[in-house]
Amino acid sequence: HLLTMSMGLAWSDRAPYTNENTLNASLDPYRYVL
């Protein structure tokens, strides 16, 4: 599901890139995503 980008979690790669920016700033980015 990660490979096919169908994990079903609330993620948006659109501007203002809130998810990606939070991921990059996180001390535990994998926990943040999951």
All heavy atoms as atom14 arrays in JSON, in Angstrom:
{
  "sequence": "HLLTMSMGLAWSDRAPYTNENTLNASLDPYRYVL",
  "atom14_mask": [
    [1, 1, 1, 1, 1, 1, 1, 1, 1, 1, 0, 0, 0, 0],
    [1, 1, 1, 1, 1, 1, 1, 1, 0, 0, 0, 0, 0, 0],
    [1, 1, 1, 1, 1, 1, 1, 1, 0, 0, 0, 0, 0, 0],
    [1, 1, 1, 1, 1, 1, 1, 0, 0, 0, 0, 0, 0, 0],
    [1, 1, 1, 1, 1, 1, 1, 1, 0, 0, 0, 0, 0, 0],
    [1, 1, 1, 1, 1, 1, 0, 0, 0, 0, 0, 0, 0, 0],
    [1, 1, 1, 1, 1, 1, 1, 1, 0, 0, 0, 0, 0, 0],
    [1, 1, 1, 1, 0, 0, 0, 0, 0, 0, 0, 0, 0, 0],
    [1, 1, 1, 1, 1, 1, 1, 1, 0, 0, 0, 0, 0, 0],
    [1, 1, 1, 1, 1, 0, 0, 0, 0, 0, 0, 0, 0, 0],
    [1, 1, 1, 1, 1, 1, 1, 1, 1, 1, 1, 1, 1, 1],
    [1, 1, 1, 1, 1, 1, 0, 0, 0, 0, 0, 0, 0, 0],
    [1, 1, 1, 1, 1, 1, 1, 1, 0, 0, 0, 0, 0, 0],
    [1, 1, 1, 1, 1, 1, 1, 1, 1, 1, 1, 0, 0, 0],
    [1, 1, 1, 1, 1, 0, 0, 0, 0, 0, 0, 0, 0, 0],
    [1, 1, 1, 1, 1, 1, 1, 0, 0, 0, 0, 0, 0, 0],
    [1, 1, 1, 1, 1, 1, 1, 1, 1, 1, 1, 1, 0, 0],
    [1, 1, 1, 1, 1, 1, 1, 0, 0, 0, 0, 0, 0, 0],
    [1, 1, 1, 1, 1, 1, 1, 1, 0, 0, 0, 0, 0, 0],
    [1, 1, 1, 1, 1, 1, 1, 1, 1, 0, 0, 0, 0, 0],
    [1, 1, 1, 1, 1, 1, 1, 1, 0, 0, 0, 0, 0, 0],
    [1, 1, 1, 1, 1, 1, 1, 0, 0, 0, 0, 0, 0, 0],
    [1, 1, 1, 1, 1, 1, 1, 1, 0, 0, 0, 0, 0, 0],
    [1, 1, 1, 1, 1, 1, 1, 1, 0, 0, 0, 0, 0, 0],
    [1, 1, 1, 1, 1, 0, 0, 0, 0, 0, 0, 0, 0, 0],
    [1, 1, 1, 1, 1, 1, 0, 0, 0, 0, 0, 0, 0, 0],
    [1, 1, 1, 1, 1, 1, 1, 1, 0, 0, 0, 0, 0, 0],
    [1, 1, 1, 1, 1, 1, 1, 1, 0, 0, 0, 0, 0, 0],
    [1, 1, 1, 1, 1, 1, 1, 0, 0, 0, 0, 0, 0, 0],
    [1, 1, 1, 1, 1, 1, 1, 1, 1, 1, 1, 1, 0, 0],
    [1, 1, 1, 1, 1, 1, 1, 1, 1, 1, 1, 0, 0, 0],
    [1, 1, 1, 1, 1, 1, 1, 1, 1, 1, 1, 1, 0, 0],
    [1, 1, 1, 1, 1, 1, 1, 0, 0, 0, 0, 0, 0, 0],
    [1, 1, 1, 1, 1, 1, 1, 1, 0, 0, 0, 0, 0, 0]
  ],
  "atom14_positions": [
    [[0.83, -1.21, 0.0], [0.0, 0.0, 0.0], [0.86, 1.26, 0.0], [0.45, 2.29, -0.53], [-0.93, -0.01, 1.21], [-1.9, -1.14, 1.21], [-2.14, -1.93, 2.32], [-2.65, -1.67, 0.19], [-3.03, -2.85, 2.01], [-3.35, -2.72, 0.73], [0.0, 0.0, 0.0], [0.0, 0.0, 0.0], [0.0, 0.0, 0.0], [0.0, 0.0, 0.0]],
    [[2.05, 1.18, 0.6], [2.97, 2.33, 0.52], [3.46, 2.51, -0.91], [3.53, 3.63, -1.42], [4.16, 2.12, 1.45], [3.86, 1.94, 2.95], [5.17, 1.74, 3.71], [3.1, 3.13, 3.5], [0.0, 0.0, 0.0], [0.0, 0.0, 0.0], [0.0, 0.0, 0.0], [0.0, 0.0, 0.0], [0.0, 0.0, 0.0], [0.0, 0.0, 0.0]],
    [[3.82, 1.4, -1.55], [4.33, 1.46, -2.94], [3.27, 1.98, -3.9], [3.59, 2.7, -4.85], [4.8, 0.08, -3.38], [6.09, -0.44, -2.76], [6.25, -1.93, -3.04], [7.3, 0.33, -3.3], [0.0, 0.0, 0.0], [0.0, 0.0, 0.0], [0.0, 0.0, 0.0], [0.0, 0.0, 0.0], [0.0, 0.0, 0.0], [0.0, 0.0, 0.0]],
    [[2.03, 1.6, -3.68], [0.95, 2.0, -4.59], [0.25, 3.27, -4.11], [-0.76, 3.68, -4.7], [-0.08, 0.87, -4.73], [-0.59, 0.53, -3.43], [0.55, -0.36, -5.36], [0.0, 0.0, 0.0], [0.0, 0.0, 0.0], [0.0, 0.0, 0.0], [0.0, 0.0, 0.0], [0.0, 0.0, 0.0], [0.0, 0.0, 0.0], [0.0, 0.0, 0.0]],
    [[0.78, 3.89, -3.05], [0.2, 5.12, -2.5], [-1.29, 4.97, -2.25], [-2.11, 5.79, -2.67], [0.51, 6.31, -3.41], [1.99, 6.62, -3.49], [2.35, 8.2, -4.22], [4.15, 8.19, -4.13], [0.0, 0.0, 0.0], [0.0, 0.0, 0.0], [0.0, 0.0, 0.0], [0.0, 0.0, 0.0], [0.0, 0.0, 0.0], [0.0, 0.0, 0.0]],
    [[-1.63, 3.9, -1.56], [-3.03, 3.64, -1.23], [-3.16, 3.25, 0.25], [-3.95, 2.38, 0.58], [-3.59, 2.54, -2.13], [-2.87, 1.31, -1.95], [0.0, 0.0, 0.0], [0.0, 0.0, 0.0], [0.0, 0.0, 0.0], [0.0, 0.0, 0.0], [0.0, 0.0, 0.0], [0.0, 0.0, 0.0], [0.0, 0.0, 0.0], [0.0, 0.0, 0.0]],
    [[-2.36, 3.9, 1.12], [-2.38, 3.51, 2.53], [-3.62, 3.99, 3.25], [-3.94, 3.53, 4.34], [-1.11, 4.01, 3.24], [-0.91, 5.5, 3.25], [0.63, 5.95, 4.1], [0.58, 7.73, 3.9], [0.0, 0.0, 0.0], [0.0, 0.0, 0.0], [0.0, 0.0, 0.0], [0.0, 0.0, 0.0], [0.0, 0.0, 0.0], [0.0, 0.0, 0.0]],
    [[-4.35, 4.93, 2.65], [-5.64, 5.34, 3.21], [-5.56, 6.33, 4.35], [-6.57, 6.58, 5.02], [0.0, 0.0, 0.0], [0.0, 0.0, 0.0], [0.0, 0.0, 0.0], [0.0, 0.0, 0.0], [0.0, 0.0, 0.0], [0.0, 0.0, 0.0], [0.0, 0.0, 0.0], [0.0, 0.0, 0.0], [0.0, 0.0, 0.0], [0.0, 0.0, 0.0]],
    [[-4.39, 6.92, 4.58], [-4.26, 7.91, 5.65], [-4.45, 9.32, 5.12], [-4.28, 9.58, 3.92], [-2.87, 7.78, 6.31], [-2.56, 6.41, 6.94], [-1.19, 6.43, 7.6], [-3.64, 6.0, 7.94], [0.0, 0.0, 0.0], [0.0, 0.0, 0.0], [0.0, 0.0, 0.0], [0.0, 0.0, 0.0], [0.0, 0.0, 0.0], [0.0, 0.0, 0.0]],
    [[-4.78, 10.23, 6.01], [-5.09, 11.62, 5.62], [-3.81, 12.36, 5.28], [-3.15, 12.92, 6.15], [-5.83, 12.32, 6.75], [0.0, 0.0, 0.0], [0.0, 0.0, 0.0], [0.0, 0.0, 0.0], [0.0, 0.0, 0.0], [0.0, 0.0, 0.0], [0.0, 0.0, 0.0], [0.0, 0.0, 0.0], [0.0, 0.0, 0.0], [0.0, 0.0, 0.0]],
    [[-3.46, 12.39, 4.01], [-2.23, 13.05, 3.55], [-2.55, 13.89, 2.32], [-3.27, 13.46, 1.43], [-1.16, 12.01, 3.21], [0.12, 12.66, 2.74], [0.4, 13.12, 1.48], [1.27, 12.91, 3.54], [1.66, 13.66, 1.45], [2.22, 13.54, 2.7], [1.61, 12.67, 4.87], [3.47, 13.93, 3.14], [2.86, 13.05, 5.32], [3.78, 13.67, 4.46]],
    [[-1.97, 15.09, 2.26], [-2.1, 15.92, 1.07], [-0.73, 16.45, 0.66], [-0.02, 17.01, 1.5], [-3.04, 17.1, 1.33], [-3.03, 18.0, 0.22], [0.0, 0.0, 0.0], [0.0, 0.0, 0.0], [0.0, 0.0, 0.0], [0.0, 0.0, 0.0], [0.0, 0.0, 0.0], [0.0, 0.0, 0.0], [0.0, 0.0, 0.0], [0.0, 0.0, 0.0]],
    [[-0.37, 16.26, -0.6], [0.88, 16.79, -1.13], [0.67, 18.13, -1.83], [1.53, 18.58, -2.58], [1.52, 15.8, -2.1], [2.71, 15.07, -1.47], [3.68, 15.76, -1.12], [2.65, 13.85, -1.32], [0.0, 0.0, 0.0], [0.0, 0.0, 0.0], [0.0, 0.0, 0.0], [0.0, 0.0, 0.0], [0.0, 0.0, 0.0], [0.0, 0.0, 0.0]],
    [[-0.47, 18.74, -1.61], [-0.77, 20.01, -2.26], [-0.32, 21.19, -1.39], [-0.17, 21.07, -0.19], [-2.27, 20.11, -2.53], [-2.77, 19.06, -3.52], [-4.26, 19.21, -3.75], [-4.75, 18.23, -4.72], [-6.01, 18.11, -5.1], [-6.93, 18.94, -4.59], [-6.38, 17.2, -5.98], [0.0, 0.0, 0.0], [0.0, 0.0, 0.0], [0.0, 0.0, 0.0]],
    [[-0.09, 22.35, -2.07], [0.24, 23.58, -1.33], [-0.86, 23.85, -0.3], [-2.04, 23.61, -0.58], [0.36, 24.73, -2.31], [0.0, 0.0, 0.0], [0.0, 0.0, 0.0], [0.0, 0.0, 0.0], [0.0, 0.0, 0.0], [0.0, 0.0, 0.0], [0.0, 0.0, 0.0], [0.0, 0.0, 0.0], [0.0, 0.0, 0.0], [0.0, 0.0, 0.0]],
    [[-0.5, 24.3, 0.89], [0.82, 24.78, 1.35], [1.74, 23.69, 1.91], [2.62, 23.99, 2.7], [0.45, 25.78, 2.44], [-0.8, 25.19, 3.05], [-1.55, 24.57, 1.89], [0.0, 0.0, 0.0], [0.0, 0.0, 0.0], [0.0, 0.0, 0.0], [0.0, 0.0, 0.0], [0.0, 0.0, 0.0], [0.0, 0.0, 0.0], [0.0, 0.0, 0.0]],
    [[1.55, 22.44, 1.51], [2.45, 21.33, 1.86], [2.58, 21.13, 3.37], [3.66, 20.88, 3.89], [3.83, 21.55, 1.23], [3.76, 21.9, -0.24], [4.09, 23.18, -0.69], [3.33, 20.97, -1.17], [4.0, 23.51, -2.03], [3.23, 21.28, -2.53], [3.57, 22.56, -2.95], [3.48, 22.87, -4.28], [0.0, 0.0, 0.0], [0.0, 0.0, 0.0]],
    [[1.46, 21.24, 4.06], [1.47, 21.11, 5.52], [2.0, 19.77, 5.97], [2.85, 19.69, 6.89], [0.04, 21.33, 6.07], [-0.42, 22.62, 5.66], [0.04, 21.23, 7.59], [0.0, 0.0, 0.0], [0.0, 0.0, 0.0], [0.0, 0.0, 0.0], [0.0, 0.0, 0.0], [0.0, 0.0, 0.0], [0.0, 0.0, 0.0], [0.0, 0.0, 0.0]],
    [[1.52, 18.68, 5.35], [1.98, 17.35, 5.75], [3.47, 17.16, 5.51], [4.2, 16.67, 6.39], [1.2, 16.27, 5.01], [-0.25, 16.15, 5.46], [-1.16, 16.14, 4.65], [-0.47, 16.05, 6.77], [0.0, 0.0, 0.0], [0.0, 0.0, 0.0], [0.0, 0.0, 0.0], [0.0, 0.0, 0.0], [0.0, 0.0, 0.0], [0.0, 0.0, 0.0]],
    [[3.93, 17.55, 4.33], [5.34, 17.34, 4.0], [6.24, 18.2, 4.89], [7.3, 17.74, 5.35], [5.59, 17.64, 2.53], [6.97, 17.21, 2.07], [7.12, 17.2, 0.55], [6.12, 17.44, -0.15], [8.24, 16.97, 0.09], [0.0, 0.0, 0.0], [0.0, 0.0, 0.0], [0.0, 0.0, 0.0], [0.0, 0.0, 0.0], [0.0, 0.0, 0.0]],
    [[5.84, 19.44, 5.14], [6.64, 20.31, 6.0], [6.71, 19.77, 7.43], [7.76, 19.82, 8.07], [6.07, 21.73, 5.99], [6.26, 22.43, 4.65], [7.16, 22.09, 3.89], [5.4, 23.4, 4.37], [0.0, 0.0, 0.0], [0.0, 0.0, 0.0], [0.0, 0.0, 0.0], [0.0, 0.0, 0.0], [0.0, 0.0, 0.0], [0.0, 0.0, 0.0]],
    [[5.6, 19.26, 7.92], [5.58, 18.69, 9.26], [6.44, 17.43, 9.32], [7.17, 17.21, 10.29], [4.14, 18.38, 9.71], [3.34, 19.55, 9.58], [4.11, 17.89, 11.15], [0.0, 0.0, 0.0], [0.0, 0.0, 0.0], [0.0, 0.0, 0.0], [0.0, 0.0, 0.0], [0.0, 0.0, 0.0], [0.0, 0.0, 0.0], [0.0, 0.0, 0.0]],
    [[6.35, 16.62, 8.28], [7.19, 15.42, 8.19], [8.67, 15.79, 8.27], [9.44, 15.2, 9.04], [6.91, 14.7, 6.87], [7.88, 13.6, 6.45], [7.67, 12.34, 7.29], [7.73, 13.27, 4.97], [0.0, 0.0, 0.0], [0.0, 0.0, 0.0], [0.0, 0.0, 0.0], [0.0, 0.0, 0.0], [0.0, 0.0, 0.0], [0.0, 0.0, 0.0]],
    [[9.08, 16.77, 7.48], [10.49, 17.15, 7.42], [10.98, 17.75, 8.74], [12.17, 17.65, 9.06], [10.73, 18.14, 6.28], [10.55, 17.49, 4.92], [10.74, 16.29, 4.77], [10.18, 18.28, 3.93], [0.0, 0.0, 0.0], [0.0, 0.0, 0.0], [0.0, 0.0, 0.0], [0.0, 0.0, 0.0], [0.0, 0.0, 0.0], [0.0, 0.0, 0.0]],
    [[10.09, 18.37, 9.49], [10.47, 19.01, 10.74], [10.36, 18.08, 11.94], [10.84, 18.4, 13.03], [9.61, 20.25, 10.98], [0.0, 0.0, 0.0], [0.0, 0.0, 0.0], [0.0, 0.0, 0.0], [0.0, 0.0, 0.0], [0.0, 0.0, 0.0], [0.0, 0.0, 0.0], [0.0, 0.0, 0.0], [0.0, 0.0, 0.0], [0.0, 0.0, 0.0]],
    [[9.75, 16.93, 11.74], [9.46, 16.04, 12.86], [10.71, 15.3, 13.35], [11.55, 14.86, 12.56], [8.41, 15.01, 12.43], [8.17, 14.08, 13.47], [0.0, 0.0, 0.0], [0.0, 0.0, 0.0], [0.0, 0.0, 0.0], [0.0, 0.0, 0.0], [0.0, 0.0, 0.0], [0.0, 0.0, 0.0], [0.0, 0.0, 0.0], [0.0, 0.0, 0.0]],
    [[10.81, 15.13, 14.67], [11.9, 14.33, 15.24], [11.68, 12.85, 14.98], [12.62, 12.06, 15.01], [12.0, 14.59, 16.75], [12.41, 16.01, 17.15], [12.37, 16.16, 18.68], [13.79, 16.36, 16.61], [0.0, 0.0, 0.0], [0.0, 0.0, 0.0], [0.0, 0.0, 0.0], [0.0, 0.0, 0.0], [0.0, 0.0, 0.0], [0.0, 0.0, 0.0]],
    [[10.42, 12.45, 14.73], [10.1, 11.06, 14.41], [9.14, 11.06, 13.22], [7.92, 10.93, 13.38], [9.45, 10.37, 15.62], [9.35, 8.86, 15.47], [9.49, 8.38, 14.31], [9.14, 8.17, 16.47], [0.0, 0.0, 0.0], [0.0, 0.0, 0.0], [0.0, 0.0, 0.0], [0.0, 0.0, 0.0], [0.0, 0.0, 0.0], [0.0, 0.0, 0.0]],
    [[9.67, 11.25, 12.02], [8.81, 11.44, 10.85], [7.92, 10.24, 10.54], [6.8, 10.41, 10.06], [9.8, 11.71, 9.71], [11.09, 11.14, 10.19], [11.1, 11.32, 11.67], [0.0, 0.0, 0.0], [0.0, 0.0, 0.0], [0.0, 0.0, 0.0], [0.0, 0.0, 0.0], [0.0, 0.0, 0.0], [0.0, 0.0, 0.0], [0.0, 0.0, 0.0]],
    [[8.39, 9.02, 10.82], [7.59, 7.83, 10.51], [6.38, 7.74, 11.43], [5.28, 7.4, 11.01], [8.46, 6.58, 10.59], [9.79, 6.76, 9.91], [10.98, 6.57, 10.59], [9.85, 7.19, 8.57], [12.21, 6.77, 9.96], [11.07, 7.4, 7.94], [12.25, 7.19, 8.65], [13.45, 7.4, 8.04], [0.0, 0.0, 0.0], [0.0, 0.0, 0.0]],
    [[6.6, 8.07, 12.71], [5.46, 8.1, 13.64], [4.45, 9.15, 13.18], [3.24, 8.91, 13.25], [5.94, 8.4, 15.06], [4.79, 8.69, 16.03], [5.27, 8.93, 17.45], [5.48, 7.67, 18.15], [4.51, 6.98, 18.74], [3.27, 7.43, 18.73], [4.77, 5.85, 19.37], [0.0, 0.0, 0.0], [0.0, 0.0, 0.0], [0.0, 0.0, 0.0]],
    [[4.95, 10.3, 12.73], [4.03, 11.34, 12.28], [3.13, 10.82, 11.17], [1.91, 10.98, 11.22], [4.8, 12.57, 11.79], [3.91, 13.52, 11.02], [2.9, 14.23, 11.67], [4.03, 13.66, 9.63], [2.04, 15.07, 10.97], [3.18, 14.49, 8.93], [2.18, 15.19, 9.6], [1.33, 16.0, 8.89], [0.0, 0.0, 0.0], [0.0, 0.0, 0.0]],
    [[3.71, 10.18, 10.16], [2.91, 9.69, 9.03], [1.9, 8.66, 9.51], [0.7, 8.72, 9.18], [3.81, 9.09, 7.93], [2.96, 8.48, 6.82], [4.75, 10.14, 7.37], [0.0, 0.0, 0.0], [0.0, 0.0, 0.0], [0.0, 0.0, 0.0], [0.0, 0.0, 0.0], [0.0, 0.0, 0.0], [0.0, 0.0, 0.0], [0.0, 0.0, 0.0]],
    [[2.36, 7.69, 10.3], [1.5, 6.6, 10.7], [0.48, 7.0, 11.77], [-0.46, 6.24, 12.05], [2.35, 5.43, 11.18], [3.23, 4.8, 10.08], [4.2, 3.78, 10.67], [2.37, 4.17, 9.0], [0.0, 0.0, 0.0], [0.0, 0.0, 0.0], [0.0, 0.0, 0.0], [0.0, 0.0, 0.0], [0.0, 0.0, 0.0], [0.0, 0.0, 0.0]]
  ]
}
